[in-house]
């Protein structure tokens, strides 16, 4: 038994290090869908900063304790209220914000977010949106209706309103409601690695995201 333990000791130490690192410092996760295009594509593996909001156990996605809070414009990983799967979306509203969605028009605390078109193809329309002092891209797929909420919602204490950058191809707070702050696992800061054919060769490694 002693010899066996000595032989597997390096593997045990590596496992403990990896578990500690992924719980308290950083984690990574593949992007399975196009709901965050054009910011993130299927085939991207994103880098998740665990020091931003507090440690959480990977795989089971259990928050240990919290510090810090997401801000508007942050891309976060979280567990939504209707499933145990890990989601990635952008924070549009923080606790206390009043949110109104009318198709592509997004209002935060009575102020309409500024949007403008940057490119258009037969299949997609690409644009930019100003949220506080940050600018991020968004995408529309032609032929798919844009969800219409049409009412003002106030984000409750400890909750967040999130949306995908692919505005008419994303299941988000417009459909299933607010994200509990205790279910926020981390902040996405970069694409660690990508095998997406939609990325150029030199933008497939360590690509920062807005």
C-alpha atoms as a PDB file:
ATOM      1  CA  UNK A   1       0.000   0.000   0.000  1.00  0.00           C
ATOM      2  CA  UNK A   2       2.813   2.438   0.865  1.00  0.00           C
ATOM      3  CA  UNK A   3       4.546   1.778  -2.457  1.00  0.00           C
ATOM      4  CA  UNK A   4       1.248   2.258  -4.302  1.00  0.00           C
ATOM      5  CA  UNK A   5       0.615   5.591  -2.583  1.00  0.00           C
ATOM      6  CA  UNK A   6       4.155   6.702  -3.372  1.00  0.00           C
ATOM      7  CA  UNK A   7       3.626   5.853  -7.034  1.00  0.00           C
ATOM      8  CA  UNK A   8       0.385   7.801  -7.386  1.00  0.00           C
ATOM      9  CA  UNK A   9       1.517  10.740  -5.232  1.00  0.00           C
ATOM     10  CA  UNK A  10       2.432  12.947  -8.251  1.00  0.00           C
ATOM     11  CA  UNK A  11      -1.016  12.370  -9.734  1.00  0.00           C
ATOM     12  CA  UNK A  12      -2.720  13.187  -6.429  1.00  0.00           C
ATOM     13  CA  UNK A  13      -0.711  16.380  -6.049  1.00  0.00           C
ATOM     14  CA  UNK A  14      -1.513  17.400  -9.616  1.00  0.00           C
ATOM     15  CA  UNK A  15      -5.226  16.690  -9.079  1.00  0.00           C
ATOM     16  CA  UNK A  16      -5.276  18.744  -5.867  1.00  0.00           C
ATOM     17  CA  UNK A  17      -3.472  21.614  -7.591  1.00  0.00           C
ATOM     18  CA  UNK A  18      -5.814  21.513 -10.596  1.00  0.00           C
ATOM     19  CA  UNK A  19      -8.952  21.369  -8.426  1.00  0.00           C
ATOM     20  CA  UNK A  20      -7.719  24.266  -6.290  1.00  0.00           C
ATOM     21  CA  UNK A  21      -6.787  26.333  -9.332  1.00  0.00           C
ATOM     22  CA  UNK A  22     -10.123  25.752 -11.100  1.00  0.00           C
ATOM     23  CA  UNK A  23     -12.081  26.471  -7.915  1.00  0.00           C
ATOM     24  CA  UNK A  24     -10.374  29.623  -6.694  1.00  0.00           C
ATOM     25  CA  UNK A  25      -8.417  31.191  -9.543  1.00  0.00           C
ATOM     26  CA  UNK A  26      -9.525  30.401 -13.085  1.00  0.00           C
ATOM     27  CA  UNK A  27     -11.435  27.865 -15.123  1.00  0.00           C
ATOM     28  CA  UNK A  28     -12.198  27.226 -18.776  1.00  0.00           C
ATOM     29  CA  UNK A  29     -15.319  26.219 -20.642  1.00  0.00           C
ATOM     30  CA  UNK A  30     -16.210  25.443 -24.276  1.00  0.00           C
ATOM     31  CA  UNK A  31     -18.844  27.516 -26.057  1.00  0.00           C
ATOM     32  CA  UNK A  32     -21.520  25.106 -27.356  1.00  0.00           C
ATOM     33  CA  UNK A  33     -23.836  27.467 -29.224  1.00  0.00           C
ATOM     34  CA  UNK A  34     -23.973  30.679 -31.231  1.00  0.00           C
ATOM     35  CA  UNK A  35     -25.962  32.705 -28.688  1.00  0.00           C
ATOM     36  CA  UNK A  36     -23.004  35.029 -27.988  1.00  0.00           C
ATOM     37  CA  UNK A  37     -21.954  35.627 -31.611  1.00  0.00           C
ATOM     38  CA  UNK A  38     -20.124  37.628 -32.860  1.00  0.00           C
ATOM     39  CA  UNK A  39     -18.231  37.923 -29.545  1.00  0.00           C
ATOM     40  CA  UNK A  40     -17.934  34.179 -28.942  1.00  0.00           C
ATOM     41  CA  UNK A  41     -18.325  31.335 -31.429  1.00  0.00           C
ATOM     42  CA  UNK A  42     -18.995  27.600 -31.080  1.00  0.00           C
ATOM     43  CA  UNK A  43     -15.552  26.042 -30.875  1.00  0.00           C
ATOM     44  CA  UNK A  44     -14.171  28.760 -28.586  1.00  0.00           C
ATOM     45  CA  UNK A  45     -12.861  27.744 -25.186  1.00  0.00           C
ATOM     46  CA  UNK A  46     -13.224  30.722 -22.847  1.00  0.00           C
ATOM     47  CA  UNK A  47     -11.040  31.694 -19.896  1.00  0.00           C
ATOM     48  CA  UNK A  48     -13.076  32.307 -16.729  1.00  0.00           C
ATOM     49  CA  UNK A  49     -11.717  34.557 -13.984  1.00  0.00           C
ATOM     50  CA  UNK A  50     -12.754  33.022 -10.628  1.00  0.00           C
ATOM     51  CA  UNK A  51     -11.123  35.788  -8.590  1.00  0.00           C
ATOM     52  CA  UNK A  52     -13.736  38.317  -9.765  1.00  0.00           C
ATOM     53  CA  UNK A  53     -16.756  37.143  -7.757  1.00  0.00           C
ATOM     54  CA  UNK A  54     -15.537  34.353  -5.459  1.00  0.00           C
ATOM     55  CA  UNK A  55     -14.569  30.663  -5.724  1.00  0.00           C
ATOM     56  CA  UNK A  56     -16.880  27.997  -7.105  1.00  0.00           C
ATOM     57  CA  UNK A  57     -16.479  24.277  -7.579  1.00  0.00           C
ATOM     58  CA  UNK A  58     -16.178  23.317 -11.269  1.00  0.00           C
ATOM     59  CA  UNK A  59     -18.330  20.667 -12.960  1.00  0.00           C
ATOM     60  CA  UNK A  60     -21.014  20.807 -10.231  1.00  0.00           C
ATOM     61  CA  UNK A  61     -20.937  24.640 -10.384  1.00  0.00           C
ATOM     62  CA  UNK A  62     -21.387  25.239  -6.669  1.00  0.00           C
ATOM     63  CA  UNK A  63     -20.506  28.694  -5.301  1.00  0.00           C
ATOM     64  CA  UNK A  64     -18.524  28.540  -2.044  1.00  0.00           C
ATOM     65  CA  UNK A  65     -18.759  32.207  -1.084  1.00  0.00           C
ATOM     66  CA  UNK A  66     -18.966  35.554  -2.832  1.00  0.00           C
ATOM     67  CA  UNK A  67     -17.065  38.776  -3.150  1.00  0.00           C
ATOM     68  CA  UNK A  68     -17.409  41.418  -5.846  1.00  0.00           C
ATOM     69  CA  UNK A  69     -20.365  41.865  -8.164  1.00  0.00           C
ATOM     70  CA  UNK A  70     -20.819  41.755 -11.941  1.00  0.00           C
ATOM     71  CA  UNK A  71     -21.099  45.091 -13.717  1.00  0.00           C
ATOM     72  CA  UNK A  72     -23.105  46.055 -16.762  1.00  0.00           C
ATOM     73  CA  UNK A  73     -21.353  44.794 -19.863  1.00  0.00           C
ATOM     74  CA  UNK A  74     -19.524  41.929 -18.128  1.00  0.00           C
ATOM     75  CA  UNK A  75     -19.648  38.536 -19.832  1.00  0.00           C
ATOM     76  CA  UNK A  76     -20.332  36.006 -17.085  1.00  0.00           C
ATOM     77  CA  UNK A  77     -20.763  32.283 -16.616  1.00  0.00           C
ATOM     78  CA  UNK A  78     -23.691  31.251 -14.451  1.00  0.00           C
ATOM     79  CA  UNK A  79     -26.340  28.632 -13.759  1.00  0.00           C
ATOM     80  CA  UNK A  80     -29.772  29.912 -14.882  1.00  0.00           C
ATOM     81  CA  UNK A  81     -32.965  29.256 -12.905  1.00  0.00           C
ATOM     82  CA  UNK A  82     -34.358  26.568 -15.215  1.00  0.00           C
ATOM     83  CA  UNK A  83     -31.398  24.175 -15.643  1.00  0.00           C
ATOM     84  CA  UNK A  84     -28.147  22.989 -14.039  1.00  0.00           C
ATOM     85  CA  UNK A  85     -26.110  23.699 -17.172  1.00  0.00           C
ATOM     86  CA  UNK A  86     -23.518  26.475 -17.263  1.00  0.00           C
ATOM     87  CA  UNK A  87     -24.491  29.440 -19.448  1.00  0.00           C
ATOM     88  CA  UNK A  88     -22.495  32.369 -20.835  1.00  0.00           C
ATOM     89  CA  UNK A  89     -24.218  35.734 -21.428  1.00  0.00           C
ATOM     90  CA  UNK A  90     -23.672  39.476 -21.079  1.00  0.00           C
ATOM     91  CA  UNK A  91     -24.918  41.455 -18.073  1.00  0.00           C
ATOM     92  CA  UNK A  92     -27.366  44.154 -19.188  1.00  0.00           C
ATOM     93  CA  UNK A  93     -28.937  45.029 -15.848  1.00  0.00           C
ATOM     94  CA  UNK A  94     -27.654  44.946 -12.258  1.00  0.00           C
ATOM     95  CA  UNK A  95     -29.716  45.043  -9.024  1.00  0.00           C
ATOM     96  CA  UNK A  96     -32.061  48.028  -8.963  1.00  0.00           C
ATOM     97  CA  UNK A  97     -31.919  48.720 -12.717  1.00  0.00           C
ATOM     98  CA  UNK A  98     -35.104  49.216 -14.705  1.00  0.00           C
ATOM     99  CA  UNK A  99     -34.968  47.272 -17.975  1.00  0.00           C
ATOM    100  CA  UNK A 100     -37.274  47.568 -20.971  1.00  0.00           C
ATOM    101  CA  UNK A 101     -36.882  45.572 -24.193  1.00  0.00           C
ATOM    102  CA  UNK A 102     -38.777  46.476 -27.354  1.00  0.00           C
ATOM    103  CA  UNK A 103     -37.379  44.277 -30.118  1.00  0.00           C
ATOM    104  CA  UNK A 104     -33.835  45.523 -30.712  1.00  0.00           C
ATOM    105  CA  UNK A 105     -34.361  48.622 -28.566  1.00  0.00           C
ATOM    106  CA  UNK A 106     -32.921  48.175 -25.067  1.00  0.00           C
ATOM    107  CA  UNK A 107     -33.600  50.706 -22.311  1.00  0.00           C
ATOM    108  CA  UNK A 108     -31.665  50.775 -19.028  1.00  0.00           C
ATOM    109  CA  UNK A 109     -33.058  53.139 -16.388  1.00  0.00           C
ATOM    110  CA  UNK A 110     -34.997  54.998 -19.037  1.00  0.00           C
ATOM    111  CA  UNK A 111     -32.007  55.497 -21.339  1.00  0.00           C
ATOM    112  CA  UNK A 112     -32.009  53.789 -24.716  1.00  0.00           C
ATOM    113  CA  UNK A 113     -28.733  52.048 -25.474  1.00  0.00           C
ATOM    114  CA  UNK A 114     -27.061  53.540 -28.522  1.00  0.00           C
ATOM    115  CA  UNK A 115     -26.716  51.112 -31.419  1.00  0.00           C
ATOM    116  CA  UNK A 116     -25.379  51.388 -34.937  1.00  0.00           C
ATOM    117  CA  UNK A 117     -24.829  49.010 -37.826  1.00  0.00           C
ATOM    118  CA  UNK A 118     -21.263  48.106 -38.769  1.00  0.00           C
ATOM    119  CA  UNK A 119     -21.742  45.394 -41.417  1.00  0.00           C
ATOM    120  CA  UNK A 120     -24.430  43.457 -43.247  1.00  0.00           C
ATOM    121  CA  UNK A 121     -24.531  40.267 -45.306  1.00  0.00           C
ATOM    122  CA  UNK A 122     -27.321  38.223 -46.836  1.00  0.00           C
ATOM    123  CA  UNK A 123     -27.502  36.179 -43.624  1.00  0.00           C
ATOM    124  CA  UNK A 124     -26.376  38.481 -40.791  1.00  0.00           C
ATOM    125  CA  UNK A 125     -26.500  42.052 -39.587  1.00  0.00           C
ATOM    126  CA  UNK A 126     -23.667  43.132 -37.298  1.00  0.00           C
ATOM    127  CA  UNK A 127     -23.775  46.148 -35.020  1.00  0.00           C
ATOM    128  CA  UNK A 128     -22.251  47.832 -32.004  1.00  0.00           C
ATOM    129  CA  UNK A 129     -23.982  48.791 -28.784  1.00  0.00           C
ATOM    130  CA  UNK A 130     -22.925  51.263 -26.100  1.00  0.00           C
ATOM    131  CA  UNK A 131     -23.491  50.087 -22.522  1.00  0.00           C
ATOM    132  CA  UNK A 132     -22.212  52.589 -19.963  1.00  0.00           C
ATOM    133  CA  UNK A 133     -18.662  53.368 -21.172  1.00  0.00           C
ATOM    134  CA  UNK A 134     -18.184  50.031 -22.912  1.00  0.00           C
ATOM    135  CA  UNK A 135     -18.905  49.152 -26.528  1.00  0.00           C
ATOM    136  CA  UNK A 136     -19.627  45.602 -27.626  1.00  0.00           C
ATOM    137  CA  UNK A 137     -20.764  43.905 -30.803  1.00  0.00           C
ATOM    138  CA  UNK A 138     -24.123  42.276 -31.424  1.00  0.00           C
ATOM    139  CA  UNK A 139     -25.565  40.192 -34.229  1.00  0.00           C
ATOM    140  CA  UNK A 140     -28.923  39.507 -35.890  1.00  0.00           C
ATOM    141  CA  UNK A 141     -29.747  36.595 -38.151  1.00  0.00           C
ATOM    142  CA  UNK A 142     -32.062  37.621 -40.950  1.00  0.00           C
ATOM    143  CA  UNK A 143     -35.412  35.852 -41.067  1.00  0.00           C
ATOM    144  CA  UNK A 144     -35.614  35.190 -37.309  1.00  0.00           C
ATOM    145  CA  UNK A 145     -37.957  37.431 -35.288  1.00  0.00           C
ATOM    146  CA  UNK A 146     -36.528  39.487 -32.434  1.00  0.00           C
ATOM    147  CA  UNK A 147     -38.169  38.686 -29.073  1.00  0.00           C
ATOM    148  CA  UNK A 148     -40.468  41.477 -27.886  1.00  0.00           C
ATOM    149  CA  UNK A 149     -40.818  41.975 -24.126  1.00  0.00           C
ATOM    150  CA  UNK A 150     -42.477  45.397 -24.151  1.00  0.00           C
ATOM    151  CA  UNK A 151     -42.661  45.989 -20.406  1.00  0.00           C
ATOM    152  CA  UNK A 152     -40.434  47.576 -17.792  1.00  0.00           C
ATOM    153  CA  UNK A 153     -38.832  45.191 -15.290  1.00  0.00           C
ATOM    154  CA  UNK A 154     -36.868  46.149 -12.192  1.00  0.00           C
ATOM    155  CA  UNK A 155     -33.938  43.889 -11.417  1.00  0.00           C
ATOM    156  CA  UNK A 156     -34.395  42.575  -7.840  1.00  0.00           C
ATOM    157  CA  UNK A 157     -31.738  42.720  -5.180  1.00  0.00           C
ATOM    158  CA  UNK A 158     -29.097  40.051  -5.705  1.00  0.00           C
ATOM    159  CA  UNK A 159     -30.241  39.351  -9.289  1.00  0.00           C
ATOM    160  CA  UNK A 160     -28.986  40.172 -12.797  1.00  0.00           C
ATOM    161  CA  UNK A 161     -30.564  40.594 -16.230  1.00  0.00           C
ATOM    162  CA  UNK A 162     -28.505  38.986 -19.003  1.00  0.00           C
ATOM    163  CA  UNK A 163     -28.746  38.724 -22.777  1.00  0.00           C
ATOM    164  CA  UNK A 164     -26.835  37.020 -25.564  1.00  0.00           C
ATOM    165  CA  UNK A 165     -25.056  39.172 -28.142  1.00  0.00           C
ATOM    166  CA  UNK A 166     -26.835  37.173 -30.863  1.00  0.00           C
ATOM    167  CA  UNK A 167     -30.037  39.010 -30.079  1.00  0.00           C
ATOM    168  CA  UNK A 168     -32.539  36.902 -31.986  1.00  0.00           C
ATOM    169  CA  UNK A 169     -30.867  33.551 -31.345  1.00  0.00           C
ATOM    170  CA  UNK A 170     -30.369  33.482 -27.573  1.00  0.00           C
ATOM    171  CA  UNK A 171     -32.353  31.998 -24.691  1.00  0.00           C
ATOM    172  CA  UNK A 172     -31.718  34.489 -21.893  1.00  0.00           C
ATOM    173  CA  UNK A 173     -33.414  36.682 -19.267  1.00  0.00           C
ATOM    174  CA  UNK A 174     -36.027  37.716 -21.817  1.00  0.00           C
ATOM    175  CA  UNK A 175     -37.377  34.153 -21.597  1.00  0.00           C
ATOM    176  CA  UNK A 176     -36.512  32.666 -18.199  1.00  0.00           C
ATOM    177  CA  UNK A 177     -35.955  35.692 -15.956  1.00  0.00           C
ATOM    178  CA  UNK A 178     -33.198  36.945 -13.699  1.00  0.00           C
ATOM    179  CA  UNK A 179     -29.916  35.289 -12.707  1.00  0.00           C
ATOM    180  CA  UNK A 180     -29.285  34.758  -8.994  1.00  0.00           C
ATOM    181  CA  UNK A 181     -26.007  36.346  -7.883  1.00  0.00           C
ATOM    182  CA  UNK A 182     -25.139  33.164  -5.986  1.00  0.00           C
ATOM    183  CA  UNK A 183     -25.291  31.281  -9.287  1.00  0.00           C
ATOM    184  CA  UNK A 184     -22.690  33.487 -11.002  1.00  0.00           C
ATOM    185  CA  UNK A 185     -19.516  31.435 -11.387  1.00  0.00           C
ATOM    186  CA  UNK A 186     -17.048  33.879 -12.942  1.00  0.00           C
ATOM    187  CA  UNK A 187     -16.213  36.555 -15.501  1.00  0.00           C
ATOM    188  CA  UNK A 188     -15.171  35.619 -19.035  1.00  0.00           C
ATOM    189  CA  UNK A 189     -12.042  37.590 -19.911  1.00  0.00           C
ATOM    190  CA  UNK A 190     -10.625  35.872 -22.999  1.00  0.00           C
ATOM    191  CA  UNK A 191     -10.847  33.126 -25.571  1.00  0.00           C
ATOM    192  CA  UNK A 192      -8.125  30.789 -24.354  1.00  0.00           C
ATOM    193  CA  UNK A 193      -8.228  28.622 -27.474  1.00  0.00           C
ATOM    194  CA  UNK A 194     -10.483  28.350 -30.495  1.00  0.00           C
ATOM    195  CA  UNK A 195     -11.081  25.750 -33.175  1.00  0.00           C
ATOM    196  CA  UNK A 196     -13.913  27.750 -34.736  1.00  0.00           C
ATOM    197  CA  UNK A 197     -13.569  28.025 -38.537  1.00  0.00           C
ATOM    198  CA  UNK A 198     -14.998  31.548 -38.244  1.00  0.00           C
ATOM    199  CA  UNK A 199     -11.863  32.831 -36.535  1.00  0.00           C
ATOM    200  CA  UNK A 200      -8.707  33.760 -38.372  1.00  0.00           C
ATOM    201  CA  UNK A 201      -5.603  31.711 -37.615  1.00  0.00           C
ATOM    202  CA  UNK A 202      -3.915  34.394 -35.515  1.00  0.00           C
ATOM    203  CA  UNK A 203      -7.004  35.106 -33.402  1.00  0.00           C
ATOM    204  CA  UNK A 204      -7.409  31.559 -32.085  1.00  0.00           C
ATOM    205  CA  UNK A 205      -5.255  31.843 -28.981  1.00  0.00           C
ATOM    206  CA  UNK A 206      -5.382  34.185 -25.972  1.00  0.00           C
ATOM    207  CA  UNK A 207      -7.887  36.575 -27.537  1.00  0.00           C
ATOM    208  CA  UNK A 208      -9.325  39.128 -25.111  1.00  0.00           C
ATOM    209  CA  UNK A 209     -13.075  39.735 -25.296  1.00  0.00           C
ATOM    210  CA  UNK A 210     -15.182  42.840 -24.615  1.00  0.00           C
END
